[in-house]
């Protein structure tokens, strides 16, 4: 079993892992990459309580940031990305990915595939990308960009002032708690069909 020890304040340090690796909550490693970034082997990386940059490969990876303002990139494969606490940026890449922001004001982007994006607490921005995505805002004033047909946005009562910007036809559903629904591009000349819910909508 290998162990990496770094002391805080001694530069920006990177680990390139060919096996599962956990930097430890109190560790001082900033960057975690998979050794073969073009490979398809599933490798799991877990960061520290600081601000980490974590990059996967084309396998089905689990990449977790813990606390801190993290950047987590999944690339290909059906990945699970967990930002933990902090203002995180999660990018699933290709594949059917699950992105979990946790507490904080997070930026979640699914890209291709049928993704599940869960913002958690905070004022989050969720962009599923192409595909039939499931976008869950949680508590806070959330922003959704709906780009793929069949996308579902879930908001519950008391979850904040939530806004959907749609690039395709969108139906919020009768019981949805989305307050604002707009065309993503107000200058667009293509017709869009936008349907609200039984709550007060704009």
N, C-alpha and C. Protein backbone atom coordinates (compact mmCIF):
# COMPACT_ATOMS: atom_id res chain seq x y z
N UNK A 1 0.84 -1.19 0.00
CA UNK A 1 0.00 0.00 0.00
C UNK A 1 0.88 1.24 0.00
N UNK A 2 0.66 2.13 -0.97
CA UNK A 2 1.46 3.35 -1.08
C UNK A 2 0.79 4.49 -0.33
N UNK A 3 1.63 5.37 0.20
CA UNK A 3 1.14 6.55 0.91
C UNK A 3 1.88 7.77 0.38
N UNK A 4 1.13 8.85 0.14
CA UNK A 4 1.73 10.10 -0.32
C UNK A 4 1.55 11.14 0.79
N UNK A 5 2.66 11.77 1.19
CA UNK A 5 2.62 12.79 2.24
C UNK A 5 3.08 14.13 1.68
N UNK A 6 2.27 15.15 1.84
CA UNK A 6 2.62 16.51 1.42
C UNK A 6 2.26 17.47 2.55
N UNK A 7 3.09 18.49 2.72
CA UNK A 7 2.87 19.49 3.76
C UNK A 7 2.25 20.72 3.13
N UNK A 8 1.27 21.31 3.80
CA UNK A 8 0.57 22.48 3.27
C UNK A 8 1.55 23.62 2.99
N UNK A 9 1.30 24.34 1.88
CA UNK A 9 2.11 25.50 1.52
C UNK A 9 3.38 25.18 0.77
N UNK A 10 3.55 23.94 0.33
CA UNK A 10 4.78 23.55 -0.36
C UNK A 10 4.55 23.35 -1.86
N UNK A 11 3.72 24.21 -2.46
CA UNK A 11 3.53 24.16 -3.90
C UNK A 11 2.28 23.41 -4.29
N UNK A 12 2.04 23.36 -5.62
CA UNK A 12 0.90 22.63 -6.17
C UNK A 12 1.36 21.22 -6.52
N UNK A 13 0.78 20.24 -5.87
CA UNK A 13 1.25 18.86 -5.97
C UNK A 13 0.23 17.99 -6.69
N UNK A 14 0.73 17.08 -7.54
CA UNK A 14 -0.12 16.23 -8.36
C UNK A 14 0.17 14.76 -8.09
N UNK A 15 -0.90 13.98 -8.01
CA UNK A 15 -0.79 12.52 -7.99
C UNK A 15 -1.40 11.98 -9.27
N UNK A 16 -0.68 11.12 -9.97
CA UNK A 16 -1.20 10.40 -11.13
C UNK A 16 -1.31 8.94 -10.73
N UNK A 17 -2.55 8.45 -10.66
CA UNK A 17 -2.80 7.14 -10.05
C UNK A 17 -3.21 6.11 -11.09
N UNK A 18 -2.65 4.91 -10.96
CA UNK A 18 -3.05 3.78 -11.79
C UNK A 18 -3.96 2.82 -11.06
N UNK A 19 -4.24 3.12 -9.78
CA UNK A 19 -5.14 2.33 -8.94
C UNK A 19 -6.00 3.31 -8.15
N UNK A 20 -7.00 2.79 -7.43
CA UNK A 20 -7.81 3.65 -6.58
C UNK A 20 -6.92 4.42 -5.60
N UNK A 21 -7.25 5.70 -5.38
CA UNK A 21 -6.42 6.52 -4.50
C UNK A 21 -7.27 7.50 -3.72
N UNK A 22 -7.01 7.58 -2.41
CA UNK A 22 -7.69 8.52 -1.51
C UNK A 22 -6.62 9.41 -0.89
N UNK A 23 -6.70 10.72 -1.18
CA UNK A 23 -5.68 11.65 -0.69
C UNK A 23 -5.81 11.92 0.80
N UNK A 24 -6.96 11.59 1.40
CA UNK A 24 -7.17 11.84 2.82
C UNK A 24 -7.72 13.22 3.06
N UNK A 25 -8.66 13.31 4.00
CA UNK A 25 -9.35 14.58 4.24
C UNK A 25 -8.38 15.70 4.60
N UNK A 26 -7.34 15.38 5.36
CA UNK A 26 -6.41 16.41 5.83
C UNK A 26 -5.18 16.53 4.95
N UNK A 27 -5.18 15.87 3.80
CA UNK A 27 -4.02 15.91 2.92
C UNK A 27 -3.83 17.26 2.26
N UNK A 28 -2.66 17.45 1.61
CA UNK A 28 -2.33 18.72 0.97
C UNK A 28 -2.00 18.54 -0.51
N UNK A 29 -2.57 17.51 -1.12
CA UNK A 29 -2.42 17.30 -2.56
C UNK A 29 -3.52 18.07 -3.27
N UNK A 30 -3.14 18.80 -4.32
CA UNK A 30 -4.12 19.64 -5.01
C UNK A 30 -4.72 19.00 -6.25
N UNK A 31 -3.93 18.22 -6.99
CA UNK A 31 -4.37 17.69 -8.29
C UNK A 31 -4.28 16.18 -8.28
N UNK A 32 -5.38 15.52 -8.69
CA UNK A 32 -5.40 14.06 -8.81
C UNK A 32 -5.82 13.70 -10.23
N UNK A 33 -4.97 12.97 -10.93
CA UNK A 33 -5.27 12.51 -12.28
C UNK A 33 -5.12 11.00 -12.34
N UNK A 34 -5.82 10.39 -13.27
CA UNK A 34 -5.61 8.97 -13.57
C UNK A 34 -4.41 8.86 -14.50
N UNK A 35 -3.55 7.90 -14.23
CA UNK A 35 -2.29 7.76 -14.96
C UNK A 35 -2.52 7.65 -16.46
N UNK A 36 -3.42 6.76 -16.87
CA UNK A 36 -3.75 6.60 -18.29
C UNK A 36 -5.08 7.30 -18.54
N UNK A 37 -5.00 8.58 -18.88
CA UNK A 37 -6.22 9.38 -18.99
C UNK A 37 -7.07 8.98 -20.19
N UNK A 38 -6.49 8.24 -21.15
CA UNK A 38 -7.23 7.76 -22.31
C UNK A 38 -7.71 6.32 -22.12
N UNK A 39 -7.37 5.70 -21.01
CA UNK A 39 -7.74 4.32 -20.76
C UNK A 39 -9.18 4.16 -20.33
N UNK A 40 -9.61 2.90 -20.21
CA UNK A 40 -10.99 2.61 -19.83
C UNK A 40 -11.08 1.85 -18.50
N UNK A 41 -9.97 1.70 -17.81
CA UNK A 41 -10.01 1.04 -16.51
C UNK A 41 -10.71 1.94 -15.50
N UNK A 42 -11.65 1.38 -14.75
CA UNK A 42 -12.39 2.14 -13.74
C UNK A 42 -11.50 2.34 -12.52
N UNK A 43 -11.19 3.59 -12.24
CA UNK A 43 -10.34 3.95 -11.09
C UNK A 43 -11.06 5.04 -10.30
N UNK A 44 -11.03 4.91 -8.98
CA UNK A 44 -11.73 5.84 -8.10
C UNK A 44 -10.72 6.75 -7.40
N UNK A 45 -10.99 8.05 -7.43
CA UNK A 45 -10.11 9.03 -6.80
C UNK A 45 -10.91 9.86 -5.80
N UNK A 46 -10.32 10.10 -4.64
CA UNK A 46 -10.96 10.92 -3.61
C UNK A 46 -9.98 11.99 -3.15
N UNK A 47 -10.43 13.23 -3.15
CA UNK A 47 -9.57 14.35 -2.81
C UNK A 47 -9.52 14.65 -1.33
N UNK A 48 -9.15 15.88 -1.02
CA UNK A 48 -8.95 16.33 0.36
C UNK A 48 -10.06 17.32 0.74
N UNK A 49 -9.93 17.92 1.90
CA UNK A 49 -10.85 18.97 2.31
C UNK A 49 -10.46 20.33 1.74
N UNK A 50 -9.39 20.38 0.97
CA UNK A 50 -9.00 21.61 0.29
C UNK A 50 -9.59 21.66 -1.11
N UNK A 51 -9.13 22.63 -1.90
CA UNK A 51 -9.59 22.79 -3.28
C UNK A 51 -8.80 21.86 -4.18
N UNK A 52 -9.49 20.91 -4.79
CA UNK A 52 -8.83 19.92 -5.63
C UNK A 52 -9.26 20.04 -7.09
N UNK A 53 -8.36 19.59 -7.97
CA UNK A 53 -8.70 19.34 -9.37
C UNK A 53 -8.55 17.84 -9.59
N UNK A 54 -9.65 17.19 -9.99
CA UNK A 54 -9.66 15.73 -10.10
C UNK A 54 -10.14 15.37 -11.50
N UNK A 55 -9.36 14.55 -12.21
CA UNK A 55 -9.67 14.19 -13.59
C UNK A 55 -9.75 12.67 -13.73
N UNK A 56 -10.80 12.20 -14.41
CA UNK A 56 -10.97 10.78 -14.65
C UNK A 56 -10.39 10.34 -15.98
N UNK A 57 -10.92 9.24 -16.51
CA UNK A 57 -10.54 8.74 -17.83
C UNK A 57 -11.81 8.28 -18.54
N UNK A 58 -11.68 7.38 -19.50
CA UNK A 58 -12.85 6.91 -20.24
C UNK A 58 -13.51 5.70 -19.59
N UNK A 59 -13.10 5.33 -18.39
CA UNK A 59 -13.75 4.27 -17.65
C UNK A 59 -14.87 4.80 -16.78
N UNK A 60 -15.53 3.88 -16.07
CA UNK A 60 -16.62 4.25 -15.15
C UNK A 60 -16.00 4.58 -13.80
N UNK A 61 -15.66 5.83 -13.59
CA UNK A 61 -14.93 6.26 -12.40
C UNK A 61 -15.85 6.84 -11.34
N UNK A 62 -15.40 6.76 -10.08
CA UNK A 62 -16.02 7.53 -9.00
C UNK A 62 -15.00 8.54 -8.54
N UNK A 63 -15.33 9.82 -8.70
CA UNK A 63 -14.41 10.91 -8.39
C UNK A 63 -15.07 11.80 -7.34
N UNK A 64 -14.43 11.94 -6.19
CA UNK A 64 -15.04 12.66 -5.07
C UNK A 64 -14.10 13.74 -4.56
N UNK A 65 -14.67 14.92 -4.28
CA UNK A 65 -13.84 16.04 -3.89
C UNK A 65 -13.76 16.34 -2.40
N UNK A 66 -14.66 15.78 -1.59
CA UNK A 66 -14.79 16.17 -0.19
C UNK A 66 -15.09 17.67 -0.10
N UNK A 67 -14.65 18.33 0.97
CA UNK A 67 -14.88 19.77 1.12
C UNK A 67 -13.92 20.54 0.21
N UNK A 68 -14.13 21.86 0.14
CA UNK A 68 -13.30 22.69 -0.73
C UNK A 68 -13.99 22.98 -2.04
N UNK A 69 -13.49 23.99 -2.75
CA UNK A 69 -14.06 24.38 -4.04
C UNK A 69 -13.34 23.58 -5.13
N UNK A 70 -13.96 22.48 -5.54
CA UNK A 70 -13.30 21.51 -6.39
C UNK A 70 -13.71 21.62 -7.85
N UNK A 71 -12.79 21.21 -8.74
CA UNK A 71 -13.07 21.01 -10.16
C UNK A 71 -12.93 19.52 -10.42
N UNK A 72 -14.03 18.87 -10.86
CA UNK A 72 -14.04 17.42 -11.07
C UNK A 72 -14.50 17.15 -12.50
N UNK A 73 -13.66 16.44 -13.27
CA UNK A 73 -13.92 16.19 -14.68
C UNK A 73 -13.97 14.69 -14.92
N UNK A 74 -15.10 14.19 -15.43
CA UNK A 74 -15.26 12.76 -15.59
C UNK A 74 -14.73 12.20 -16.89
N UNK A 75 -14.79 12.95 -17.99
CA UNK A 75 -14.47 12.49 -19.33
C UNK A 75 -15.44 11.37 -19.74
N UNK A 76 -14.96 10.34 -20.47
CA UNK A 76 -15.85 9.28 -20.94
C UNK A 76 -16.21 8.32 -19.82
N UNK A 77 -17.14 7.39 -20.13
CA UNK A 77 -17.57 6.40 -19.16
C UNK A 77 -18.75 6.89 -18.34
N UNK A 78 -19.40 5.94 -17.68
CA UNK A 78 -20.55 6.25 -16.82
C UNK A 78 -20.04 6.55 -15.42
N UNK A 79 -19.77 7.82 -15.16
CA UNK A 79 -19.06 8.23 -13.96
C UNK A 79 -20.00 8.71 -12.85
N UNK A 80 -19.50 8.65 -11.62
CA UNK A 80 -20.14 9.29 -10.47
C UNK A 80 -19.19 10.36 -9.95
N UNK A 81 -19.64 11.61 -9.97
CA UNK A 81 -18.85 12.74 -9.50
C UNK A 81 -19.53 13.34 -8.28
N UNK A 82 -18.79 13.49 -7.20
CA UNK A 82 -19.33 14.02 -5.95
C UNK A 82 -18.44 15.17 -5.49
N UNK A 83 -18.98 16.38 -5.54
CA UNK A 83 -18.17 17.53 -5.16
C UNK A 83 -17.97 17.68 -3.67
N UNK A 84 -18.90 17.17 -2.86
CA UNK A 84 -18.85 17.41 -1.42
C UNK A 84 -19.19 18.86 -1.11
N UNK A 85 -18.87 19.30 0.09
CA UNK A 85 -19.14 20.69 0.46
C UNK A 85 -18.23 21.63 -0.31
N UNK A 86 -18.69 22.87 -0.50
CA UNK A 86 -17.91 23.86 -1.23
C UNK A 86 -18.58 24.23 -2.54
N UNK A 87 -18.04 25.25 -3.20
CA UNK A 87 -18.56 25.72 -4.48
C UNK A 87 -17.83 24.97 -5.59
N UNK A 88 -18.43 23.88 -6.04
CA UNK A 88 -17.75 22.94 -6.93
C UNK A 88 -18.19 23.10 -8.38
N UNK A 89 -17.30 22.69 -9.29
CA UNK A 89 -17.60 22.60 -10.71
C UNK A 89 -17.43 21.15 -11.13
N UNK A 90 -18.52 20.52 -11.58
CA UNK A 90 -18.51 19.12 -11.99
C UNK A 90 -18.87 19.03 -13.46
N UNK A 91 -18.09 18.27 -14.22
CA UNK A 91 -18.31 18.10 -15.65
C UNK A 91 -18.26 16.61 -15.96
N UNK A 92 -19.43 16.05 -16.33
CA UNK A 92 -19.49 14.60 -16.50
C UNK A 92 -18.81 14.09 -17.76
N UNK A 93 -18.85 14.85 -18.85
CA UNK A 93 -18.33 14.36 -20.12
C UNK A 93 -19.28 13.36 -20.75
N UNK A 94 -18.76 12.55 -21.67
CA UNK A 94 -19.58 11.55 -22.33
C UNK A 94 -19.98 10.45 -21.35
N UNK A 95 -21.10 9.78 -21.63
CA UNK A 95 -21.57 8.70 -20.77
C UNK A 95 -22.77 9.11 -19.96
N UNK A 96 -23.37 8.11 -19.31
CA UNK A 96 -24.53 8.34 -18.44
C UNK A 96 -24.02 8.57 -17.02
N UNK A 97 -23.87 9.81 -16.64
CA UNK A 97 -23.17 10.17 -15.41
C UNK A 97 -24.13 10.61 -14.31
N UNK A 98 -23.64 10.48 -13.07
CA UNK A 98 -24.35 11.01 -11.90
C UNK A 98 -23.45 12.05 -11.25
N UNK A 99 -23.95 13.28 -11.14
CA UNK A 99 -23.21 14.38 -10.56
C UNK A 99 -23.93 14.87 -9.31
N UNK A 100 -23.21 14.96 -8.20
CA UNK A 100 -23.78 15.40 -6.93
C UNK A 100 -22.96 16.59 -6.43
N UNK A 101 -23.62 17.74 -6.31
CA UNK A 101 -22.90 18.93 -5.91
C UNK A 101 -22.63 19.04 -4.42
N UNK A 102 -23.58 18.58 -3.59
CA UNK A 102 -23.46 18.76 -2.15
C UNK A 102 -23.76 20.20 -1.76
N UNK A 103 -23.42 20.56 -0.53
CA UNK A 103 -23.66 21.92 -0.06
C UNK A 103 -22.73 22.89 -0.76
N UNK A 104 -23.24 24.08 -1.09
CA UNK A 104 -22.45 25.08 -1.79
C UNK A 104 -23.12 25.50 -3.09
N UNK A 105 -22.58 26.54 -3.70
CA UNK A 105 -23.10 27.05 -4.96
C UNK A 105 -22.34 26.39 -6.10
N UNK A 106 -22.92 25.34 -6.66
CA UNK A 106 -22.22 24.46 -7.57
C UNK A 106 -22.60 24.69 -9.02
N UNK A 107 -21.67 24.32 -9.92
CA UNK A 107 -21.89 24.33 -11.37
C UNK A 107 -21.80 22.89 -11.84
N UNK A 108 -22.91 22.32 -12.33
CA UNK A 108 -22.95 20.93 -12.78
C UNK A 108 -23.29 20.88 -14.26
N UNK A 109 -22.47 20.17 -15.03
CA UNK A 109 -22.71 20.04 -16.46
C UNK A 109 -22.57 18.57 -16.85
N UNK A 110 -23.66 18.02 -17.43
CA UNK A 110 -23.65 16.61 -17.77
C UNK A 110 -22.98 16.29 -19.09
N UNK A 111 -23.17 17.14 -20.10
CA UNK A 111 -22.74 16.90 -21.48
C UNK A 111 -23.54 15.74 -22.07
N UNK A 112 -22.90 14.85 -22.85
CA UNK A 112 -23.63 13.79 -23.53
C UNK A 112 -24.11 12.72 -22.58
N UNK A 113 -25.11 11.94 -23.04
CA UNK A 113 -25.63 10.85 -22.24
C UNK A 113 -26.85 11.25 -21.44
N UNK A 114 -27.45 10.26 -20.81
CA UNK A 114 -28.62 10.47 -19.95
C UNK A 114 -28.12 10.61 -18.51
N UNK A 115 -27.97 11.82 -18.06
CA UNK A 115 -27.30 12.11 -16.80
C UNK A 115 -28.29 12.46 -15.69
N UNK A 116 -27.84 12.25 -14.45
CA UNK A 116 -28.56 12.71 -13.27
C UNK A 116 -27.71 13.75 -12.57
N UNK A 117 -28.24 14.96 -12.43
CA UNK A 117 -27.53 16.05 -11.78
C UNK A 117 -28.30 16.46 -10.53
N UNK A 118 -27.63 16.41 -9.38
CA UNK A 118 -28.25 16.73 -8.09
C UNK A 118 -27.43 17.85 -7.46
N UNK A 119 -28.01 19.06 -7.43
CA UNK A 119 -27.25 20.20 -6.94
C UNK A 119 -27.03 20.21 -5.45
N UNK A 120 -27.99 19.69 -4.67
CA UNK A 120 -27.90 19.78 -3.22
C UNK A 120 -28.21 21.19 -2.74
N UNK A 121 -27.84 21.50 -1.51
CA UNK A 121 -28.10 22.82 -0.95
C UNK A 121 -27.23 23.87 -1.63
N UNK A 122 -27.79 25.07 -1.80
CA UNK A 122 -27.04 26.17 -2.40
C UNK A 122 -27.68 26.64 -3.69
N UNK A 123 -27.16 27.75 -4.21
CA UNK A 123 -27.65 28.32 -5.46
C UNK A 123 -26.87 27.70 -6.61
N UNK A 124 -27.43 26.66 -7.20
CA UNK A 124 -26.71 25.84 -8.16
C UNK A 124 -27.13 26.14 -9.60
N UNK A 125 -26.22 25.85 -10.53
CA UNK A 125 -26.51 25.92 -11.96
C UNK A 125 -26.35 24.53 -12.54
N UNK A 126 -27.41 23.99 -13.15
CA UNK A 126 -27.42 22.63 -13.68
C UNK A 126 -27.68 22.67 -15.18
N UNK A 127 -26.79 22.05 -15.94
CA UNK A 127 -26.91 21.97 -17.39
C UNK A 127 -26.71 20.52 -17.79
N UNK A 128 -27.81 19.87 -18.17
CA UNK A 128 -27.71 18.45 -18.50
C UNK A 128 -27.00 18.17 -19.80
N UNK A 129 -27.06 19.11 -20.75
CA UNK A 129 -26.51 18.85 -22.07
C UNK A 129 -27.44 17.99 -22.88
N UNK A 130 -26.91 17.37 -23.93
CA UNK A 130 -27.72 16.50 -24.77
C UNK A 130 -28.13 15.26 -23.98
N UNK A 131 -29.30 14.70 -24.32
CA UNK A 131 -29.76 13.49 -23.65
C UNK A 131 -30.97 13.74 -22.79
N UNK A 132 -31.57 12.66 -22.33
CA UNK A 132 -32.73 12.74 -21.44
C UNK A 132 -32.27 12.79 -20.00
N UNK A 133 -32.04 13.96 -19.48
CA UNK A 133 -31.41 14.14 -18.18
C UNK A 133 -32.43 14.39 -17.08
N UNK A 134 -32.02 14.07 -15.85
CA UNK A 134 -32.82 14.35 -14.66
C UNK A 134 -32.06 15.37 -13.84
N UNK A 135 -32.64 16.55 -13.65
CA UNK A 135 -31.99 17.65 -12.96
C UNK A 135 -32.73 17.92 -11.65
N UNK A 136 -32.00 17.86 -10.54
CA UNK A 136 -32.57 18.02 -9.20
C UNK A 136 -31.85 19.17 -8.52
N UNK A 137 -32.60 20.21 -8.16
CA UNK A 137 -31.94 21.40 -7.63
C UNK A 137 -31.65 21.36 -6.15
N UNK A 138 -32.59 20.89 -5.34
CA UNK A 138 -32.44 20.96 -3.90
C UNK A 138 -32.74 22.36 -3.40
N UNK A 139 -32.35 22.63 -2.16
CA UNK A 139 -32.60 23.94 -1.56
C UNK A 139 -31.72 25.00 -2.22
N UNK A 140 -32.26 26.22 -2.33
CA UNK A 140 -31.51 27.31 -2.94
C UNK A 140 -32.17 27.82 -4.20
N UNK A 141 -31.67 28.93 -4.71
CA UNK A 141 -32.19 29.54 -5.94
C UNK A 141 -31.41 28.97 -7.12
N UNK A 142 -31.98 27.98 -7.76
CA UNK A 142 -31.27 27.21 -8.77
C UNK A 142 -31.59 27.66 -10.18
N UNK A 143 -30.62 27.48 -11.07
CA UNK A 143 -30.76 27.80 -12.48
C UNK A 143 -30.56 26.51 -13.28
N UNK A 144 -31.48 26.26 -14.22
CA UNK A 144 -31.40 25.06 -15.06
C UNK A 144 -31.31 25.48 -16.52
N UNK A 145 -30.42 24.83 -17.26
CA UNK A 145 -30.42 24.95 -18.71
C UNK A 145 -30.85 23.60 -19.27
N UNK A 146 -32.00 23.60 -19.96
CA UNK A 146 -32.54 22.37 -20.53
C UNK A 146 -32.21 22.36 -22.02
N UNK A 147 -31.35 21.42 -22.41
CA UNK A 147 -30.88 21.36 -23.80
C UNK A 147 -31.36 20.13 -24.53
N UNK A 148 -31.70 19.07 -23.81
CA UNK A 148 -32.07 17.81 -24.43
C UNK A 148 -33.55 17.52 -24.28
N UNK A 149 -34.18 16.98 -25.33
CA UNK A 149 -35.59 16.60 -25.21
C UNK A 149 -35.77 15.50 -24.18
N UNK A 150 -36.86 15.56 -23.44
CA UNK A 150 -37.13 14.55 -22.42
C UNK A 150 -36.50 14.84 -21.08
N UNK A 151 -35.84 15.98 -20.93
CA UNK A 151 -35.25 16.32 -19.64
C UNK A 151 -36.33 16.55 -18.59
N UNK A 152 -36.06 16.12 -17.37
CA UNK A 152 -36.98 16.28 -16.24
C UNK A 152 -36.30 17.13 -15.18
N UNK A 153 -37.00 18.16 -14.71
CA UNK A 153 -36.48 19.02 -13.65
C UNK A 153 -37.33 18.81 -12.40
N UNK A 154 -36.68 18.51 -11.28
CA UNK A 154 -37.38 18.25 -10.02
C UNK A 154 -37.06 19.35 -9.02
N UNK A 155 -38.10 20.03 -8.56
CA UNK A 155 -37.99 21.02 -7.50
C UNK A 155 -39.15 20.82 -6.53
N UNK A 156 -38.89 20.96 -5.24
CA UNK A 156 -39.94 20.79 -4.24
C UNK A 156 -40.28 22.13 -3.61
N UNK A 157 -41.41 22.18 -2.92
CA UNK A 157 -41.87 23.41 -2.28
C UNK A 157 -40.84 23.92 -1.28
N UNK A 158 -40.66 25.24 -1.27
CA UNK A 158 -39.72 25.84 -0.34
C UNK A 158 -38.28 25.73 -0.75
N UNK A 159 -38.03 25.32 -2.00
CA UNK A 159 -36.66 25.11 -2.45
C UNK A 159 -36.00 26.34 -3.03
N UNK A 160 -36.63 27.52 -2.92
CA UNK A 160 -36.02 28.73 -3.44
C UNK A 160 -36.72 29.22 -4.69
N UNK A 161 -36.17 30.25 -5.31
CA UNK A 161 -36.68 30.80 -6.57
C UNK A 161 -35.88 30.17 -7.70
N UNK A 162 -36.53 29.30 -8.46
CA UNK A 162 -35.84 28.46 -9.42
C UNK A 162 -36.23 28.83 -10.85
N UNK A 163 -35.26 28.80 -11.75
CA UNK A 163 -35.45 29.25 -13.12
C UNK A 163 -34.98 28.19 -14.10
N UNK A 164 -35.83 27.89 -15.08
CA UNK A 164 -35.45 27.04 -16.21
C UNK A 164 -35.26 27.91 -17.44
N UNK A 165 -34.12 27.74 -18.10
CA UNK A 165 -33.89 28.33 -19.42
C UNK A 165 -33.86 27.17 -20.41
N UNK A 166 -34.77 27.18 -21.36
CA UNK A 166 -34.96 26.02 -22.24
C UNK A 166 -34.48 26.31 -23.65
N UNK A 167 -33.77 25.34 -24.23
CA UNK A 167 -33.38 25.38 -25.64
C UNK A 167 -34.28 24.51 -26.49
N UNK A 168 -35.12 23.71 -25.82
CA UNK A 168 -36.05 22.80 -26.49
C UNK A 168 -37.41 22.94 -25.80
N UNK A 169 -38.44 22.31 -26.37
CA UNK A 169 -39.75 22.31 -25.72
C UNK A 169 -39.61 21.77 -24.30
N UNK A 170 -40.36 22.37 -23.36
CA UNK A 170 -40.24 21.96 -21.96
C UNK A 170 -41.58 22.08 -21.27
N UNK A 171 -41.91 21.03 -20.50
CA UNK A 171 -43.13 20.99 -19.70
C UNK A 171 -42.72 20.76 -18.25
N UNK A 172 -43.00 21.74 -17.38
CA UNK A 172 -42.58 21.63 -15.98
C UNK A 172 -43.33 20.56 -15.22
N UNK A 173 -44.54 20.20 -15.66
CA UNK A 173 -45.36 19.25 -14.92
C UNK A 173 -46.25 19.96 -13.93
N UNK A 174 -47.42 19.42 -13.68
CA UNK A 174 -48.43 20.11 -12.89
C UNK A 174 -47.99 20.41 -11.47
N UNK A 175 -47.22 19.51 -10.86
CA UNK A 175 -46.88 19.66 -9.45
C UNK A 175 -45.49 20.25 -9.23
N UNK A 176 -44.84 20.68 -10.29
CA UNK A 176 -43.48 21.21 -10.15
C UNK A 176 -43.48 22.52 -9.37
N UNK A 177 -42.37 22.80 -8.70
CA UNK A 177 -42.20 24.04 -7.95
C UNK A 177 -41.21 24.98 -8.65
N UNK A 178 -41.13 24.90 -9.96
CA UNK A 178 -40.32 25.83 -10.74
C UNK A 178 -41.10 27.13 -10.90
N UNK A 179 -40.46 28.25 -10.62
CA UNK A 179 -41.17 29.53 -10.66
C UNK A 179 -41.05 30.25 -12.00
N UNK A 180 -39.89 30.17 -12.65
CA UNK A 180 -39.63 30.95 -13.87
C UNK A 180 -39.20 30.02 -14.98
N UNK A 181 -39.83 30.16 -16.16
CA UNK A 181 -39.47 29.36 -17.33
C UNK A 181 -39.29 30.32 -18.50
N UNK A 182 -38.09 30.33 -19.08
CA UNK A 182 -37.76 31.22 -20.18
C UNK A 182 -37.12 30.45 -21.32
N UNK A 183 -37.19 31.01 -22.52
CA UNK A 183 -36.35 30.53 -23.61
C UNK A 183 -34.90 30.89 -23.29
N UNK A 184 -34.00 29.96 -23.55
CA UNK A 184 -32.59 30.22 -23.25
C UNK A 184 -32.06 31.39 -24.06
N UNK A 185 -32.53 31.53 -25.30
CA UNK A 185 -32.12 32.62 -26.17
C UNK A 185 -33.36 33.41 -26.58
N UNK A 186 -33.62 34.57 -25.96
CA UNK A 186 -34.83 35.33 -26.28
C UNK A 186 -34.89 35.79 -27.73
N UNK A 187 -33.74 35.84 -28.41
CA UNK A 187 -33.72 36.27 -29.81
C UNK A 187 -33.97 35.12 -30.78
N UNK A 188 -34.15 33.91 -30.27
CA UNK A 188 -34.37 32.75 -31.12
C UNK A 188 -35.66 32.90 -31.91
N UNK A 189 -35.62 32.57 -33.21
CA UNK A 189 -36.81 32.71 -34.05
C UNK A 189 -37.55 31.39 -34.22
N UNK A 190 -36.99 30.29 -33.73
CA UNK A 190 -37.67 29.00 -33.77
C UNK A 190 -38.68 28.92 -32.63
N UNK A 191 -39.89 28.42 -32.93
CA UNK A 191 -40.94 28.34 -31.91
C UNK A 191 -40.57 27.33 -30.83
N UNK A 192 -40.82 27.71 -29.58
CA UNK A 192 -40.65 26.82 -28.44
C UNK A 192 -41.97 26.71 -27.70
N UNK A 193 -42.28 25.50 -27.22
CA UNK A 193 -43.47 25.28 -26.41
C UNK A 193 -43.04 25.10 -24.96
N UNK A 194 -43.45 26.04 -24.11
CA UNK A 194 -43.07 26.03 -22.70
C UNK A 194 -44.32 26.00 -21.84
N UNK A 195 -44.38 25.02 -20.92
CA UNK A 195 -45.57 24.83 -20.09
C UNK A 195 -45.17 24.89 -18.62
N UNK A 196 -45.91 25.67 -17.84
CA UNK A 196 -45.67 25.80 -16.42
C UNK A 196 -46.39 24.74 -15.60
N UNK A 197 -46.56 25.04 -14.32
CA UNK A 197 -47.16 24.09 -13.38
C UNK A 197 -48.39 24.72 -12.75
N UNK A 198 -48.91 24.07 -11.71
CA UNK A 198 -50.07 24.60 -10.99
C UNK A 198 -49.70 25.68 -9.97
N UNK A 199 -48.41 25.96 -9.82
CA UNK A 199 -47.98 27.05 -8.95
C UNK A 199 -47.88 28.33 -9.77
N UNK A 200 -47.53 29.44 -9.11
CA UNK A 200 -47.39 30.71 -9.82
C UNK A 200 -46.12 30.69 -10.66
N UNK A 201 -46.27 30.85 -11.96
CA UNK A 201 -45.13 30.82 -12.88
C UNK A 201 -44.97 32.16 -13.59
N UNK A 202 -43.74 32.41 -13.98
CA UNK A 202 -43.44 33.54 -14.86
C UNK A 202 -42.88 32.98 -16.17
